[in-house]
Amino acid sequence: RADFYLQTGSWARIYNDNPYDRLHGYTNLNITIDIIKSDGLQFEAYVKNVFNTTAITGAFLNSADTSLTTYVFVTDPQLIGLSITKSF
């Protein structure tokens, strides 16, 4: 299985103040391989965020009493895993 996600450019706030509110587009690819044997043994290998893309997906501007600091939200880092399951 492969999941591909494409996010085009967007805005972080309703003001659309370029370049401060501009969020750039990005892509994300996840891949999973399952092998299921007849004896109840199952293997799953997966890679999430195959290209290890770090993209800003949103932002939050604080009030003036905190010096207008900005929190940003980013994509999850690359994750590689293996799962082995046995059914009885």
Protein backbone atom coordinates (compact mmCIF):
# COMPACT_ATOMS: atom_id res chain seq x y z
CA ARG A 1 0.00 0.00 0.00
CA ALA A 2 1.17 3.51 -0.74
CA ASP A 3 -0.46 6.75 0.40
CA PHE A 4 0.46 10.00 -1.32
CA TYR A 5 -0.64 13.42 -0.10
CA LEU A 6 -0.22 16.72 -1.91
CA GLN A 7 -0.91 20.01 -0.13
CA THR A 8 -0.75 23.12 -2.26
CA GLY A 9 0.16 26.52 -0.86
CA SER A 10 -2.23 28.01 1.67
CA TRP A 11 -2.48 30.66 4.37
CA ALA A 12 -1.89 30.37 8.12
CA ARG A 13 -4.29 33.19 9.07
CA ILE A 14 -7.27 34.97 7.56
CA TYR A 15 -5.21 38.11 6.86
CA ASN A 16 -3.24 36.53 3.99
CA ASP A 17 -0.29 38.81 4.71
CA ASN A 18 2.38 37.71 2.26
CA PRO A 19 5.00 36.43 3.11
CA TYR A 20 4.23 36.14 6.85
CA ASP A 21 1.03 34.09 6.56
CA ARG A 22 2.04 32.10 3.48
CA LEU A 23 2.36 28.32 3.90
CA HIS A 24 4.26 26.55 1.13
CA GLY A 25 2.94 23.40 -0.48
CA TYR A 26 4.42 20.00 0.31
CA THR A 27 4.05 16.30 -0.42
CA ASN A 28 4.04 13.25 1.82
CA LEU A 29 4.44 9.57 0.90
CA ASN A 30 3.79 6.60 3.20
CA ILE A 31 4.48 2.98 2.19
CA THR A 32 3.35 -0.23 3.90
CA ILE A 33 4.07 -3.83 2.90
CA ASP A 34 2.07 -6.68 4.47
CA ILE A 35 2.93 -10.37 4.17
CA ILE A 36 0.30 -12.71 5.61
CA LYS A 37 1.08 -16.41 5.78
CA SER A 38 -1.50 -19.18 6.09
CA ASP A 39 -0.16 -20.30 9.49
CA GLY A 40 -1.31 -17.02 11.13
CA LEU A 41 2.05 -15.25 10.90
CA GLN A 42 1.93 -11.69 9.63
CA PHE A 43 4.78 -9.31 8.79
CA GLU A 44 4.30 -5.59 8.25
CA ALA A 45 7.04 -3.16 7.26
CA TYR A 46 6.31 0.52 6.86
CA VAL A 47 7.90 3.89 6.21
CA LYS A 48 5.98 7.04 7.03
CA ASN A 49 7.14 10.30 5.46
CA VAL A 50 9.43 8.48 3.00
CA PHE A 51 11.25 11.64 1.85
CA ASN A 52 11.61 12.96 5.44
CA THR A 53 9.92 16.23 4.47
CA THR A 54 9.64 18.85 7.20
CA ALA A 55 6.89 21.27 6.22
CA ILE A 56 5.09 23.93 8.21
CA THR A 57 1.41 22.97 8.20
CA GLY A 58 0.05 25.77 10.35
CA ALA A 59 1.00 28.69 12.56
CA PHE A 60 -0.41 30.49 15.58
CA LEU A 61 0.51 34.10 16.37
CA ASN A 62 0.44 34.96 20.09
CA SER A 63 -0.68 38.26 21.56
CA ALA A 64 1.48 41.36 22.02
CA ASP A 65 2.11 40.59 25.71
CA THR A 66 4.26 37.65 24.58
CA SER A 67 6.13 39.76 21.99
CA LEU A 68 4.03 38.38 19.12
CA THR A 69 5.83 35.03 19.20
CA THR A 70 4.65 32.46 16.68
CA TYR A 71 4.11 28.75 17.21
CA VAL A 72 4.41 26.61 14.10
CA PHE A 73 3.06 23.13 13.44
CA VAL A 74 5.16 20.80 11.30
CA THR A 75 4.81 17.39 9.71
CA ASP A 76 5.84 14.29 11.64
CA PRO A 77 9.43 13.12 11.10
CA GLN A 78 10.24 9.99 9.12
CA LEU A 79 9.24 6.79 10.92
CA ILE A 80 10.38 3.30 9.93
CA GLY A 81 8.88 0.26 11.56
CA LEU A 82 8.42 -3.49 11.46
CA SER A 83 5.60 -5.45 13.06
CA ILE A 84 5.38 -9.24 13.48
CA THR A 85 2.10 -10.78 14.59
CA LYS A 86 1.16 -14.40 15.27
CA SER A 87 -2.49 -15.45 15.45
CA PHE A 88 -3.51 -18.64 17.24
